[in-house]
Protein backbone atom coordinates (compact mmCIF):
# COMPACT_ATOMS: atom_id res chain seq x y z
CA MET A 1 -40.93 18.92 53.27
CA LEU A 2 -38.02 16.48 53.41
CA ARG A 3 -37.58 14.40 56.57
CA ILE A 4 -34.15 12.88 57.21
CA ILE A 5 -33.36 10.61 60.15
CA SER A 6 -29.85 9.68 61.27
CA LEU A 7 -29.19 6.87 63.74
CA ASN A 8 -26.19 4.86 64.85
CA LEU A 9 -27.74 1.41 65.28
CA ASN A 10 -24.90 -0.18 67.26
CA GLY A 11 -25.71 -3.32 65.30
CA ILE A 12 -28.58 -3.50 62.83
CA ARG A 13 -29.71 -6.89 64.12
CA SER A 14 -29.72 -5.63 67.70
CA ALA A 15 -31.69 -2.50 66.77
CA TRP A 16 -34.15 -4.64 64.79
CA SER A 17 -34.84 -6.71 67.90
CA LYS A 18 -35.66 -3.44 69.71
CA ASN A 19 -38.32 -2.53 67.10
CA VAL A 20 -36.42 0.20 65.31
CA LEU A 21 -38.29 -0.47 62.07
CA PRO A 22 -41.87 0.10 63.35
CA TRP A 23 -40.71 3.33 64.95
CA THR A 24 -38.98 4.44 61.77
CA VAL A 25 -42.03 3.70 59.66
CA ALA A 26 -44.20 5.74 62.03
CA GLN A 27 -41.95 8.78 61.49
CA ALA A 28 -42.65 8.70 57.72
CA PRO A 29 -39.10 9.66 56.73
CA ASP A 30 -37.99 10.31 53.18
CA ILE A 31 -34.40 9.26 53.88
CA VAL A 32 -32.79 7.36 56.76
CA CYS A 33 -29.03 7.30 57.33
CA VAL A 34 -27.79 4.47 59.54
CA GLN A 35 -24.37 3.73 60.95
CA GLU A 36 -22.55 0.90 62.70
CA LEU A 37 -24.31 -1.98 60.98
CA LYS A 38 -21.95 -4.57 62.50
CA ALA A 39 -23.09 -6.93 59.73
CA GLN A 40 -22.25 -8.07 56.21
CA LEU A 41 -24.82 -8.05 53.42
CA PRO A 42 -25.45 -11.84 53.65
CA ASP A 43 -26.37 -11.31 57.32
CA LEU A 44 -29.27 -9.01 56.46
CA THR A 45 -32.86 -10.22 56.31
CA PRO A 46 -35.15 -9.39 53.35
CA GLU A 47 -36.84 -6.84 55.59
CA MET A 48 -33.50 -5.12 56.27
CA LEU A 49 -32.77 -5.06 52.53
CA ALA A 50 -36.09 -3.32 51.77
CA PRO A 51 -37.36 -1.76 55.04
CA ASP A 52 -41.06 -0.93 54.66
CA GLY A 53 -40.65 -0.94 50.92
CA MET A 54 -37.85 1.62 50.98
CA ARG A 55 -34.74 1.13 48.92
CA ALA A 56 -31.74 0.27 51.07
CA TYR A 57 -28.08 0.75 50.16
CA TYR A 58 -25.30 -0.45 52.42
CA HIS A 59 -21.52 -0.16 52.60
CA ALA A 60 -20.35 -2.86 54.99
CA ALA A 61 -16.90 -3.14 56.49
CA GLU A 62 -14.61 -5.89 55.26
CA LYS A 63 -14.10 -6.92 58.89
CA LYS A 64 -17.05 -8.95 60.15
CA GLY A 65 -19.22 -7.49 62.90
CA TYR A 66 -17.67 -4.05 62.52
CA SER A 67 -18.69 -0.55 61.42
CA GLY A 68 -20.74 -0.23 58.19
CA VAL A 69 -23.18 2.44 56.99
CA GLY A 70 -26.39 2.59 55.00
CA ILE A 71 -29.03 4.81 53.41
CA TRP A 72 -32.73 4.01 53.09
CA SER A 73 -34.84 6.12 50.74
CA ARG A 74 -38.40 6.33 49.47
CA MET A 75 -37.28 7.77 46.14
CA PRO A 76 -34.74 5.95 44.00
CA PRO A 77 -31.44 7.85 43.96
CA ASP A 78 -29.79 8.82 40.70
CA ARG A 79 -26.48 7.43 41.91
CA VAL A 80 -24.99 5.69 44.95
CA THR A 81 -21.29 5.92 45.84
CA GLU A 82 -19.57 3.71 48.41
CA GLY A 83 -16.50 5.16 50.08
CA PHE A 84 -14.69 8.45 49.55
CA GLY A 85 -11.59 7.15 47.85
CA HIS A 86 -9.40 6.30 50.84
CA GLY A 87 -8.46 2.64 50.99
CA GLU A 88 -7.90 2.29 54.73
CA PHE A 89 -11.23 3.78 55.72
CA ASP A 90 -13.30 2.65 52.76
CA ALA A 91 -12.44 -0.89 53.86
CA GLU A 92 -14.04 -0.04 57.21
CA GLY A 93 -17.39 0.89 55.65
CA ARG A 94 -17.64 4.49 56.86
CA TYR A 95 -19.17 6.44 53.96
CA ILE A 96 -22.02 6.03 51.51
CA ARG A 97 -23.53 8.76 49.34
CA ALA A 98 -26.82 8.94 47.45
CA ASP A 99 -27.62 11.66 44.88
CA PHE A 100 -31.18 12.85 44.31
CA GLY A 101 -31.33 15.57 41.65
CA LYS A 102 -29.42 18.54 43.08
CA LEU A 103 -29.27 17.01 46.57
CA SER A 104 -26.69 14.60 47.96
CA VAL A 105 -27.17 12.72 51.23
CA ILE A 106 -24.20 11.03 52.90
CA SER A 107 -24.27 8.53 55.78
CA LEU A 108 -21.03 8.86 57.70
CA TYR A 109 -19.36 7.06 60.60
CA LEU A 110 -16.12 8.58 61.83
CA PRO A 111 -13.67 6.36 63.71
CA SER A 112 -13.66 6.36 67.49
CA GLY A 113 -10.33 6.73 69.19
CA SER A 114 -11.44 5.71 72.66
CA SER A 115 -10.39 2.06 72.56
CA SER A 116 -6.63 2.54 72.17
CA PRO A 117 -3.91 5.03 71.19
CA GLU A 118 -3.63 3.19 67.86
CA ARG A 119 -7.28 3.86 67.07
CA GLN A 120 -6.87 7.51 68.04
CA GLU A 121 -4.02 7.75 65.55
CA ALA A 122 -6.31 6.17 62.95
CA LYS A 123 -8.95 8.76 63.79
CA PHE A 124 -6.45 11.57 63.22
CA ARG A 125 -5.52 9.99 59.88
CA PHE A 126 -9.20 9.96 58.94
CA LEU A 127 -9.59 13.63 59.85
CA ASP A 128 -6.55 14.54 57.76
CA ALA A 129 -7.89 12.60 54.77
CA PHE A 130 -11.50 13.72 55.11
CA LEU A 131 -11.02 17.48 55.37
CA PRO A 132 -9.98 17.92 51.71
CA HIS A 133 -12.84 15.65 50.70
CA LEU A 134 -15.26 17.95 52.51
CA ALA A 135 -13.76 20.90 50.64
CA ALA A 136 -14.20 19.06 47.35
CA LEU A 137 -17.84 18.39 48.20
CA ARG A 138 -18.40 22.11 48.78
CA ASP A 139 -16.80 22.82 45.42
CA GLU A 140 -19.39 20.65 43.66
CA GLY A 141 -21.98 23.38 44.09
CA ARG A 142 -24.67 20.91 45.15
CA GLU A 143 -26.84 20.91 48.26
CA ILE A 144 -25.34 18.25 50.54
CA VAL A 145 -26.04 16.89 54.01
CA LEU A 146 -23.69 14.56 55.88
CA CYS A 147 -25.60 12.60 58.51
CA GLY A 148 -24.09 10.39 61.12
CA ASP A 149 -21.87 9.69 64.06
CA TRP A 150 -18.96 12.12 63.91
CA ASN A 151 -17.53 10.92 67.25
CA ILE A 152 -16.65 14.50 68.26
CA ALA A 153 -18.49 16.73 70.71
CA HIS A 154 -17.87 20.21 69.36
CA LYS A 155 -18.32 22.55 72.32
CA GLU A 156 -18.69 22.46 76.08
CA ILE A 157 -22.50 22.49 75.83
CA ASP A 158 -22.30 19.29 73.77
CA LEU A 159 -21.47 16.96 76.65
CA ARG A 160 -22.29 16.80 80.34
CA ASN A 161 -18.83 16.28 81.83
CA TRP A 162 -16.75 18.48 79.55
CA LYS A 163 -14.14 19.43 82.15
CA SER A 164 -13.12 15.85 82.89
CA ASN A 165 -13.14 14.83 79.20
CA GLN A 166 -10.73 17.39 77.78
CA LYS A 167 -8.01 14.76 77.42
CA ASN A 168 -10.33 12.02 76.16
CA SER A 169 -11.07 10.98 72.60
CA GLY A 170 -14.13 12.76 71.27
CA PHE A 171 -13.39 16.02 73.06
CA LEU A 172 -9.70 16.52 72.40
CA PRO A 173 -8.70 20.10 71.48
CA GLU A 174 -7.40 18.90 68.09
CA GLU A 175 -10.68 17.16 67.26
CA ARG A 176 -12.78 20.15 68.28
CA ALA A 177 -10.56 22.51 66.29
CA TRP A 178 -10.93 20.27 63.25
CA LEU A 179 -14.72 20.44 63.51
CA SER A 180 -14.57 24.21 63.98
CA GLY A 181 -12.63 24.37 60.73
CA VAL A 182 -15.37 22.40 58.97
CA PHE A 183 -17.87 25.06 60.04
CA ASP A 184 -15.85 28.27 60.11
CA ASP A 185 -13.39 27.75 57.26
CA GLN A 186 -15.42 25.64 54.84
CA GLY A 187 -18.87 27.01 55.62
CA TRP A 188 -20.70 23.82 56.54
CA VAL A 189 -23.61 24.24 58.97
CA ASP A 190 -24.45 22.23 62.09
CA VAL A 191 -28.18 22.06 61.42
CA TYR A 192 -29.32 21.09 64.91
CA ARG A 193 -27.34 23.95 66.44
CA ARG A 194 -28.75 26.37 63.89
CA LEU A 195 -32.23 25.58 65.21
CA HIS A 196 -31.27 25.06 68.86
CA PRO A 197 -28.21 27.22 69.58
CA GLU A 198 -28.31 27.09 73.37
CA THR A 199 -29.68 23.68 74.39
CA THR A 200 -27.54 21.41 76.53
CA GLY A 201 -28.97 18.32 78.23
CA GLU A 202 -31.71 17.62 75.70
CA SER A 203 -29.24 17.82 72.83
CA TYR A 204 -27.23 14.70 73.71
CA THR A 205 -27.34 11.81 71.25
CA TRP A 206 -25.08 9.19 72.88
CA TRP A 207 -24.70 7.76 76.37
CA SER A 208 -22.05 5.36 77.62
CA ASN A 209 -23.22 1.97 78.80
CA ARG A 210 -21.20 2.52 81.97
CA GLY A 211 -22.19 4.10 85.26
CA GLN A 212 -25.91 4.72 84.64
CA ALA A 213 -25.04 7.39 82.06
CA TRP A 214 -28.46 7.10 80.40
CA ALA A 215 -30.39 7.26 83.68
CA LYS A 216 -28.39 10.29 84.80
CA ASN A 217 -28.34 11.87 81.32
CA VAL A 218 -24.55 11.98 81.27
CA GLY A 219 -24.49 12.27 77.51
CA TRP A 220 -22.60 13.55 74.49
CA ARG A 221 -23.83 15.18 71.28
CA ILE A 222 -21.77 13.39 68.63
CA ASP A 223 -24.42 12.69 65.97
CA TYR A 224 -24.96 15.49 63.48
CA GLN A 225 -26.61 16.50 60.25
CA ILE A 226 -24.08 18.88 58.72
CA ALA A 227 -25.27 20.65 55.57
CA THR A 228 -24.51 23.25 52.95
CA PRO A 229 -25.79 26.70 53.95
CA GLU A 230 -28.82 26.91 51.66
CA LEU A 231 -30.12 23.49 52.64
CA ALA A 232 -29.46 24.23 56.33
CA ALA A 233 -31.35 27.51 56.05
CA GLY A 234 -34.40 25.51 55.01
CA ALA A 235 -34.36 23.33 58.14
CA ARG A 236 -37.58 23.86 60.06
CA ARG A 237 -37.59 21.29 62.85
CA ALA A 238 -35.03 19.14 64.65
CA GLU A 239 -35.73 16.48 67.26
CA ILE A 240 -33.61 14.01 69.20
CA TYR A 241 -35.94 11.11 70.00
CA LYS A 242 -35.48 9.55 73.42
CA ALA A 243 -38.83 8.02 74.35
CA GLU A 244 -37.56 4.60 73.20
CA ARG A 245 -34.05 3.20 72.94
CA PHE A 246 -32.86 1.31 69.88
CA SER A 247 -29.12 1.56 70.61
CA ASP A 248 -26.73 3.60 72.75
CA HIS A 249 -27.46 6.51 70.38
CA ALA A 250 -30.69 8.45 69.89
CA PRO A 251 -32.18 9.18 66.45
CA LEU A 252 -31.74 12.70 65.09
CA ILE A 253 -34.74 13.81 62.99
CA ILE A 254 -34.63 16.98 60.90
CA ASP A 255 -37.27 18.38 58.53
CA TYR A 256 -36.07 20.51 55.59
CA GLU A 257 -37.96 22.64 53.11
CA TRP A 258 -36.91 20.58 50.13
CA THR A 259 -38.66 18.36 47.64
CA LEU A 260 -36.98 15.30 46.16
């Protein structure tokens, strides 16, 4: 069995202070995909560079205190690739890939468009650039899983207040249609939804820091593990862990029938 955890840290140093590492170790994962490091490599402690003896690979943003992704693994990967070949977004540290035999694991952090119209335009540029990359990944014929913060709630069951958010970034019709195309046209599989097709409130992975969203469970499901069909078919268990809080996101844990 292969256990993969995905978690947006909202700052690796902040999550560390909230004991994310002891929790992670207790889950005995094979691979951990993290997003939003908000740190450069010189900022990381020795423990962050080798968490519990795991190998850690990071792609930090050029801008300090911003974005950044990483992969931790028990097994050494055959190859690690930073970025997907797009200068604007590779500079923001949004993509890192590790290959293990016939399996590829990608930690991904899509842009958010909620802060300004300019950032929403950047998000649309990312979607336009990333869709052909996803198609090229499918053409590789490998088993692949993309783990991370996609910053899009796909359907109405994926957020509490869907009616009032239809004109807001993260639930715009164009964003949702784009994600539908990833699933319906290219054949990628939303692994959590494959195992839990109907769940609503317990499926949320992010809560705003405003208005007691966490206390009232006014959440969004924007963190996914999206996989090739054969790998997704081997998923046996998916959990969103909410007993402790390490950031404004909750960890997504999925167990696959796969051996590294």
